[in-house]
C-alpha atoms as a PDB file:
ATOM      1  CA  MET A   1     -16.601   4.007 -17.702  1.00  0.00           C
ATOM      2  CA  GLU A   2     -17.389   7.036 -19.813  1.00  0.00           C
ATOM      3  CA  GLY A   3     -20.843   7.292 -18.305  1.00  0.00           C
ATOM      4  CA  TYR A   4     -19.444   7.303 -14.798  1.00  0.00           C
ATOM      5  CA  PHE A   5     -16.579   9.752 -15.226  1.00  0.00           C
ATOM      6  CA  GLY A   6     -18.069  11.960 -17.909  1.00  0.00           C
ATOM      7  CA  PHE A   7     -15.413  11.413 -20.579  1.00  0.00           C
ATOM      8  CA  GLY A   8     -13.820   8.569 -22.498  1.00  0.00           C
ATOM      9  CA  ILE A   9     -10.832   6.313 -22.086  1.00  0.00           C
ATOM     10  CA  LYS A  10      -8.681   8.383 -24.465  1.00  0.00           C
ATOM     11  CA  ALA A  11      -8.912  11.390 -22.160  1.00  0.00           C
ATOM     12  CA  LEU A  12      -7.729   9.233 -19.256  1.00  0.00           C
ATOM     13  CA  LEU A  13      -4.802   7.665 -21.108  1.00  0.00           C
ATOM     14  CA  PHE A  14      -2.084  10.322 -20.756  1.00  0.00           C
ATOM     15  CA  PRO A  15      -2.765  11.303 -17.119  1.00  0.00           C
ATOM     16  CA  GLY A  16      -3.123   7.602 -16.351  1.00  0.00           C
ATOM     17  CA  LEU A  17       0.300   6.745 -17.789  1.00  0.00           C
ATOM     18  CA  LEU A  18       1.938   9.777 -16.194  1.00  0.00           C
ATOM     19  CA  THR A  19       0.546   9.117 -12.737  1.00  0.00           C
ATOM     20  CA  ALA A  20       1.355   5.411 -13.014  1.00  0.00           C
ATOM     21  CA  VAL A  21       5.041   6.200 -13.527  1.00  0.00           C
ATOM     22  CA  ILE A  22       5.116   8.837 -10.782  1.00  0.00           C
ATOM     23  CA  SER A  23       3.243   6.635  -8.291  1.00  0.00           C
ATOM     24  CA  TYR A  24       5.518   3.673  -9.031  1.00  0.00           C
ATOM     25  CA  LEU A  25       8.635   5.783  -8.467  1.00  0.00           C
ATOM     26  CA  CYS A  26       7.192   7.147  -5.223  1.00  0.00           C
ATOM     27  CA  GLY A  27       6.560   3.596  -4.081  1.00  0.00           C
ATOM     28  CA  CYS A  28      10.161   2.628  -4.806  1.00  0.00           C
ATOM     29  CA  PHE A  29      11.383   4.746  -1.888  1.00  0.00           C
ATOM     30  CA  ASN A  30      11.281   1.830   0.528  1.00  0.00           C
ATOM     31  CA  GLY A  31      11.820   3.094   4.062  1.00  0.00           C
ATOM     32  CA  ALA A  32      13.152  -0.173   5.482  1.00  0.00           C
ATOM     33  CA  VAL A  33      15.747  -0.560   2.726  1.00  0.00           C
ATOM     34  CA  ILE A  34      16.831   3.089   2.734  1.00  0.00           C
ATOM     35  CA  VAL A  35      17.266   3.273   6.508  1.00  0.00           C
ATOM     36  CA  SER A  36      18.929  -0.125   6.913  1.00  0.00           C
ATOM     37  CA  LYS A  37      21.171   0.051   3.862  1.00  0.00           C
ATOM     38  CA  TYR A  38      22.256   3.680   3.871  1.00  0.00           C
ATOM     39  CA  ILE A  39      22.000   4.674   7.547  1.00  0.00           C
ATOM     40  CA  LEU A  40      22.640   1.438   9.450  1.00  0.00           C
ATOM     41  CA  ARG A  41      24.788  -0.023   6.652  1.00  0.00           C
ATOM     42  CA  ASP A  42      23.119  -3.391   7.131  1.00  0.00           C
ATOM     43  CA  ASP A  43      20.472  -4.302   4.558  1.00  0.00           C
ATOM     44  CA  VAL A  44      17.306  -5.524   6.289  1.00  0.00           C
ATOM     45  CA  ARG A  45      16.741  -7.954   3.427  1.00  0.00           C
ATOM     46  CA  THR A  46      19.684 -10.047   4.665  1.00  0.00           C
ATOM     47  CA  HIS A  47      17.973 -10.658   8.006  1.00  0.00           C
ATOM     48  CA  GLY A  48      14.937 -12.515   9.316  1.00  0.00           C
ATOM     49  CA  SER A  49      12.312 -13.150   6.674  1.00  0.00           C
ATOM     50  CA  GLY A  50      14.332 -11.269   4.059  1.00  0.00           C
ATOM     51  CA  ASN A  51      11.430  -8.908   3.567  1.00  0.00           C
ATOM     52  CA  ALA A  52      11.944  -5.156   3.263  1.00  0.00           C
ATOM     53  CA  GLY A  53       8.982  -4.253   5.431  1.00  0.00           C
ATOM     54  CA  LEU A  54       8.278  -2.573   8.747  1.00  0.00           C
ATOM     55  CA  THR A  55       7.780  -5.784  10.742  1.00  0.00           C
ATOM     56  CA  ASN A  56      11.071  -7.346   9.662  1.00  0.00           C
ATOM     57  CA  PHE A  57      12.889  -4.040  10.202  1.00  0.00           C
ATOM     58  CA  TYR A  58      11.539  -3.728  13.742  1.00  0.00           C
ATOM     59  CA  ARG A  59      12.303  -7.337  14.574  1.00  0.00           C
ATOM     60  CA  THR A  60      15.844  -6.953  13.255  1.00  0.00           C
ATOM     61  CA  PHE A  61      16.871  -3.479  14.396  1.00  0.00           C
ATOM     62  CA  GLY A  62      14.177  -1.987  16.637  1.00  0.00           C
ATOM     63  CA  GLY A  63      14.928   1.493  17.927  1.00  0.00           C
ATOM     64  CA  PRO A  64      13.785   5.002  16.976  1.00  0.00           C
ATOM     65  CA  LEU A  65      14.722   4.559  13.312  1.00  0.00           C
ATOM     66  CA  THR A  66      11.597   2.438  13.010  1.00  0.00           C
ATOM     67  CA  GLY A  67       9.745   5.752  13.102  1.00  0.00           C
ATOM     68  CA  VAL A  68      11.722   6.936  10.085  1.00  0.00           C
ATOM     69  CA  VAL A  69      10.672   3.813   8.196  1.00  0.00           C
ATOM     70  CA  ILE A  70       7.029   4.447   9.075  1.00  0.00           C
ATOM     71  CA  LEU A  71       7.249   8.104   8.071  1.00  0.00           C
ATOM     72  CA  THR A  72       8.901   7.284   4.742  1.00  0.00           C
ATOM     73  CA  ASP A  73       6.324   4.685   3.741  1.00  0.00           C
ATOM     74  CA  VAL A  74       3.416   6.897   4.794  1.00  0.00           C
ATOM     75  CA  LEU A  75       4.684  10.032   3.070  1.00  0.00           C
ATOM     76  CA  LYS A  76       5.458   8.279  -0.216  1.00  0.00           C
ATOM     77  CA  ALA A  77       1.874   6.991  -0.385  1.00  0.00           C
ATOM     78  CA  VAL A  78       0.539  10.466   0.400  1.00  0.00           C
ATOM     79  CA  ALA A  79       2.803  11.950  -2.279  1.00  0.00           C
ATOM     80  CA  ALA A  80       1.713   9.379  -4.878  1.00  0.00           C
ATOM     81  CA  VAL A  81      -1.990  10.018  -4.260  1.00  0.00           C
ATOM     82  CA  CYS A  82      -1.707  13.814  -4.041  1.00  0.00           C
ATOM     83  CA  LEU A  83       0.365  14.075  -7.222  1.00  0.00           C
ATOM     84  CA  SER A  84      -1.989  11.722  -9.033  1.00  0.00           C
ATOM     85  CA  THR A  85      -5.136  13.624  -8.084  1.00  0.00           C
ATOM     86  CA  TRP A  86      -3.461  16.947  -8.907  1.00  0.00           C
ATOM     87  CA  ILE A  87      -2.378  15.753 -12.361  1.00  0.00           C
ATOM     88  CA  TYR A  88      -5.823  14.403 -13.164  1.00  0.00           C
ATOM     89  CA  GLY A  89      -7.330  17.689 -12.031  1.00  0.00           C
ATOM     90  CA  GLN A  90      -4.979  19.679 -14.248  1.00  0.00           C
ATOM     91  CA  LEU A  91      -5.252  17.558 -17.383  1.00  0.00           C
ATOM     92  CA  LEU A  92      -8.954  16.694 -17.422  1.00  0.00           C
ATOM     93  CA  PRO A  93     -12.008  18.962 -17.853  1.00  0.00           C
ATOM     94  CA  LEU A  94     -13.637  17.899 -14.604  1.00  0.00           C
ATOM     95  CA  GLY A  95     -16.656  20.158 -14.740  1.00  0.00           C
ATOM     96  CA  SER A  96     -19.132  19.363 -11.972  1.00  0.00           C
ATOM     97  CA  LYS A  97     -18.256  18.548  -8.376  1.00  0.00           C
ATOM     98  CA  GLU A  98     -19.637  15.038  -8.830  1.00  0.00           C
ATOM     99  CA  VAL A  99     -17.301  14.324 -11.741  1.00  0.00           C
ATOM    100  CA  SER A 100     -14.394  15.875  -9.853  1.00  0.00           C
ATOM    101  CA  LEU A 101     -14.957  13.602  -6.856  1.00  0.00           C
ATOM    102  CA  ALA A 102     -15.320  10.550  -9.116  1.00  0.00           C
ATOM    103  CA  VAL A 103     -12.022  11.288 -10.871  1.00  0.00           C
ATOM    104  CA  GLU A 104     -10.305  11.939  -7.552  1.00  0.00           C
ATOM    105  CA  THR A 105     -11.426   8.524  -6.340  1.00  0.00           C
ATOM    106  CA  LEU A 106     -10.239   6.867  -9.534  1.00  0.00           C
ATOM    107  CA  ALA A 107      -6.887   8.653  -9.296  1.00  0.00           C
ATOM    108  CA  THR A 108      -6.432   7.533  -5.687  1.00  0.00           C
ATOM    109  CA  TYR A 109      -7.056   3.865  -6.476  1.00  0.00           C
ATOM    110  CA  TRP A 110      -4.924   4.084  -9.620  1.00  0.00           C
ATOM    111  CA  ALA A 111      -2.048   5.683  -7.705  1.00  0.00           C
ATOM    112  CA  GLY A 112      -2.477   3.037  -5.013  1.00  0.00           C
ATOM    113  CA  VAL A 113      -1.925   0.180  -7.445  1.00  0.00           C
ATOM    114  CA  PHE A 114       1.328   1.583  -8.780  1.00  0.00           C
ATOM    115  CA  CYS A 115       2.600   2.834  -5.439  1.00  0.00           C
ATOM    116  CA  LEU A 116       2.196  -0.703  -4.098  1.00  0.00           C
ATOM    117  CA  LEU A 117       3.959  -2.117  -7.146  1.00  0.00           C
ATOM    118  CA  GLY A 118       6.856   0.271  -6.527  1.00  0.00           C
ATOM    119  CA  HIS A 119       7.001  -0.637  -2.853  1.00  0.00           C
ATOM    120  CA  MET A 120       6.912  -4.359  -3.524  1.00  0.00           C
ATOM    121  CA  PHE A 121       9.116  -4.392  -6.622  1.00  0.00           C
ATOM    122  CA  PRO A 122      11.397  -1.308  -6.453  1.00  0.00           C
ATOM    123  CA  VAL A 123      13.513  -0.922  -9.566  1.00  0.00           C
ATOM    124  CA  MET A 124      16.426   0.679  -7.694  1.00  0.00           C
ATOM    125  CA  PHE A 125      16.558  -2.137  -5.125  1.00  0.00           C
ATOM    126  CA  LYS A 126      16.588  -5.063  -7.557  1.00  0.00           C
ATOM    127  CA  PHE A 127      12.788  -5.435  -7.399  1.00  0.00           C
ATOM    128  CA  LYS A 128      12.976  -6.801  -3.850  1.00  0.00           C
ATOM    129  CA  GLY A 129      10.773  -4.722  -1.562  1.00  0.00           C
ATOM    130  CA  GLY A 130       8.127  -4.983   1.136  1.00  0.00           C
ATOM    131  CA  LYS A 131       4.596  -6.281   1.434  1.00  0.00           C
ATOM    132  CA  GLY A 132       2.727  -2.994   1.203  1.00  0.00           C
ATOM    133  CA  ILE A 133       0.682  -2.903   4.400  1.00  0.00           C
ATOM    134  CA  LEU A 134       1.734   0.494   5.719  1.00  0.00           C
ATOM    135  CA  SER A 135       1.603   2.219   2.339  1.00  0.00           C
ATOM    136  CA  GLY A 136      -1.604   0.416   1.445  1.00  0.00           C
ATOM    137  CA  GLY A 137      -3.141   1.364   4.769  1.00  0.00           C
ATOM    138  CA  THR A 138      -2.239   5.000   4.179  1.00  0.00           C
ATOM    139  CA  ILE A 139      -3.926   4.880   0.781  1.00  0.00           C
ATOM    140  CA  ALA A 140      -7.037   3.367   2.402  1.00  0.00           C
ATOM    141  CA  TRP A 141      -7.261   6.397   4.710  1.00  0.00           C
ATOM    142  CA  MET A 142      -6.954   8.719   1.729  1.00  0.00           C
ATOM    143  CA  ILE A 143      -9.744   6.917  -0.133  1.00  0.00           C
ATOM    144  CA  ASP A 144     -12.575   6.989   2.395  1.00  0.00           C
ATOM    145  CA  TRP A 145     -12.964   6.675   6.157  1.00  0.00           C
ATOM    146  CA  GLN A 146     -15.323   3.713   5.724  1.00  0.00           C
ATOM    147  CA  VAL A 147     -12.736   1.821   3.692  1.00  0.00           C
ATOM    148  CA  ALA A 148     -10.044   2.653   6.249  1.00  0.00           C
ATOM    149  CA  LEU A 149     -12.236   1.648   9.183  1.00  0.00           C
ATOM    150  CA  VAL A 150     -12.876  -1.831   7.815  1.00  0.00           C
ATOM    151  CA  VAL A 151      -9.303  -2.429   6.639  1.00  0.00           C
ATOM    152  CA  TRP A 152      -7.533  -0.987   9.687  1.00  0.00           C
ATOM    153  CA  GLY A 153     -10.110  -2.138  12.222  1.00  0.00           C
ATOM    154  CA  GLY A 154      -9.801  -5.769  11.204  1.00  0.00           C
ATOM    155  CA  PHE A 155      -6.022  -5.496  10.884  1.00  0.00           C
ATOM    156  CA  LEU A 156      -5.566  -4.107  14.395  1.00  0.00           C
ATOM    157  CA  ILE A 157      -8.037  -6.468  16.055  1.00  0.00           C
ATOM    158  CA  LEU A 158      -6.558  -9.600  14.484  1.00  0.00           C
ATOM    159  CA  SER A 159      -2.933  -8.488  14.927  1.00  0.00           C
ATOM    160  CA  PHE A 160      -3.316  -7.624  18.615  1.00  0.00           C
ATOM    161  CA  ALA A 161      -5.610 -10.537  19.460  1.00  0.00           C
ATOM    162  CA  THR A 162      -3.483 -13.222  17.806  1.00  0.00           C
ATOM    163  CA  LYS A 163      -0.023 -11.554  17.715  1.00  0.00           C
ATOM    164  CA  TYR A 164       0.095 -12.526  14.030  1.00  0.00           C
ATOM    165  CA  VAL A 165       0.635  -9.330  12.043  1.00  0.00           C
ATOM    166  CA  SER A 166       0.430 -11.382   8.868  1.00  0.00           C
ATOM    167  CA  LEU A 167      -3.118 -12.483   9.741  1.00  0.00           C
ATOM    168  CA  GLY A 168      -4.188  -8.872  10.098  1.00  0.00           C
ATOM    169  CA  SER A 169      -2.410  -8.080   6.841  1.00  0.00           C
ATOM    170  CA  CYS A 170      -4.293 -10.825   5.023  1.00  0.00           C
ATOM    171  CA  TRP A 171      -7.543  -9.383   6.350  1.00  0.00           C
ATOM    172  CA  ALA A 172      -6.550  -6.002   4.920  1.00  0.00           C
ATOM    173  CA  GLY A 173      -5.856  -7.447   1.476  1.00  0.00           C
ATOM    174  CA  LEU A 174      -8.966  -9.620   1.450  1.00  0.00           C
ATOM    175  CA  SER A 175     -11.400  -7.042   2.798  1.00  0.00           C
ATOM    176  CA  PHE A 176     -10.242  -4.143   0.624  1.00  0.00           C
ATOM    177  CA  PRO A 177     -12.153  -5.136  -2.558  1.00  0.00           C
ATOM    178  CA  PHE A 178     -15.319  -5.939  -0.608  1.00  0.00           C
ATOM    179  CA  VAL A 179     -15.473  -2.646   1.261  1.00  0.00           C
ATOM    180  CA  SER A 180     -14.507  -0.744  -1.907  1.00  0.00           C
ATOM    181  CA  TRP A 181     -17.488  -2.272  -3.698  1.00  0.00           C
ATOM    182  CA  PHE A 182     -19.767  -1.560  -0.742  1.00  0.00           C
ATOM    183  CA  VAL A 183     -18.793   2.123  -0.737  1.00  0.00           C
ATOM    184  CA  TYR A 184     -18.596   2.846  -4.490  1.00  0.00           C
ATOM    185  CA  GLN A 185     -20.361   0.014  -6.362  1.00  0.00           C
ATOM    186  CA  ASN A 186     -18.305   0.764  -9.468  1.00  0.00           C
ATOM    187  CA  TYR A 187     -16.610  -1.914 -11.576  1.00  0.00           C
ATOM    188  CA  VAL A 188     -13.504   0.141 -12.366  1.00  0.00           C
ATOM    189  CA  ILE A 189     -12.913   0.792  -8.673  1.00  0.00           C
ATOM    190  CA  LEU A 190     -13.614  -2.870  -7.926  1.00  0.00           C
ATOM    191  CA  MET A 191     -11.040  -4.003 -10.465  1.00  0.00           C
ATOM    192  CA  LEU A 192      -8.355  -1.685  -9.058  1.00  0.00           C
ATOM    193  CA  SER A 193      -9.176  -2.712  -5.497  1.00  0.00           C
ATOM    194  CA  ILE A 194      -8.901  -6.402  -6.419  1.00  0.00           C
ATOM    195  CA  ILE A 195      -5.455  -5.731  -7.860  1.00  0.00           C
ATOM    196  CA  CYS A 196      -4.367  -3.921  -4.674  1.00  0.00           C
ATOM    197  CA  GLY A 197      -5.762  -6.602  -2.392  1.00  0.00           C
ATOM    198  CA  GLY A 198      -4.399  -9.366  -4.593  1.00  0.00           C
ATOM    199  CA  LEU A 199      -0.891  -7.886  -4.521  1.00  0.00           C
ATOM    200  CA  ILE A 200      -0.945  -7.791  -0.728  1.00  0.00           C
ATOM    201  CA  LEU A 201      -2.174 -11.383  -0.467  1.00  0.00           C
ATOM    202  CA  TRP A 202       0.417 -12.522  -3.023  1.00  0.00           C
ATOM    203  CA  GLN A 203       3.207 -10.908  -1.019  1.00  0.00           C
ATOM    204  CA  HIS A 204       1.936 -12.726   2.066  1.00  0.00           C
ATOM    205  CA  ARG A 205       1.675 -16.131   0.417  1.00  0.00           C
ATOM    206  CA  GLY A 206       4.583 -17.460   2.499  1.00  0.00           C
ATOM    207  CA  ASN A 207       2.946 -16.178   5.674  1.00  0.00           C
ATOM    208  CA  ILE A 208      -0.330 -17.829   4.696  1.00  0.00           C
ATOM    209  CA  LYS A 209       1.418 -21.180   4.316  1.00  0.00           C
ATOM    210  CA  ARG A 210       3.065 -20.786   7.733  1.00  0.00           C
ATOM    211  CA  LEU A 211      -0.227 -19.734   9.332  1.00  0.00           C
ATOM    212  CA  LEU A 212      -1.904 -22.840   7.980  1.00  0.00           C
ATOM    213  CA  SER A 213       0.956 -25.057   9.168  1.00  0.00           C
ATOM    214  CA  GLY A 214       1.200 -23.363  12.573  1.00  0.00           C
ATOM    215  CA  THR A 215       4.801 -22.224  12.094  1.00  0.00           C
ATOM    216  CA  GLU A 216       4.242 -18.464  11.664  1.00  0.00           C
ATOM    217  CA  SER A 217       6.179 -16.240  14.086  1.00  0.00           C
ATOM    218  CA  LYS A 218       4.240 -14.058  16.483  1.00  0.00           C
ATOM    219  CA  PHE A 219       5.008 -10.364  16.849  1.00  0.00           C
ATOM    220  CA  HIS A 220       6.212  -8.955  20.172  1.00  0.00           C
ATOM    221  CA  LEU A 221       7.230  -5.445  21.118  1.00  0.00           C
ATOM    222  CA  HIS A 222      10.894  -5.393  22.022  1.00  0.00           C
ATOM    223  CA  LYS A 223      14.059  -3.411  21.775  1.00  0.00           C
ATOM    224  CA  LYS A 224      16.901  -4.737  19.728  1.00  0.00           C
ATOM    225  CA  THR A 225      19.612  -6.103  21.966  1.00  0.00           C
ATOM    226  CA  GLN A 226      23.198  -5.704  20.852  1.00  0.00           C
END
């Protein structure tokens, strides 16, 4: 680790802890819960699958507020990554451009882990959140276009071809560590990517069971009827 980033674990400790807290808190701003609970006055977690994610929100409420949910979950991931990379840049003697890029990559993956944890287990919403696909997909774009292409490409193809969003989501979680290793070939990055992918697969464990049993619901575009 020291050979790759140019300095030791002690130097990474304080910015790591600080960005972990900030990224987690950013992740806690769950768009589906905020919009449904405080704007629509009808908590999305009491409907459908009980999940506080985009798919369940759209299936339950539909309408233009779905865009607000998307925007919230995208922007919080962007904020988590940008704040994390900025803090690392301010607190560490980065030196060369190579080291700077390496630390930026580390900070992005690190922020991604804790942003996903905040999204999935938000402290202000009784640790009951979403499954992390939209926020995780945003983080993938901020990491590298090759990572995003594999994750999003497979997600979109499988989701549209089968109408199972959960199948595309499982692809995203499963493929993320593999493409991360292909691009960076670094064990620290691999470990963080396995955690991210594992969290997404864990949150979809119920969907996986239903896919295997043939009882998973397909996704269809619709408008909520009153």
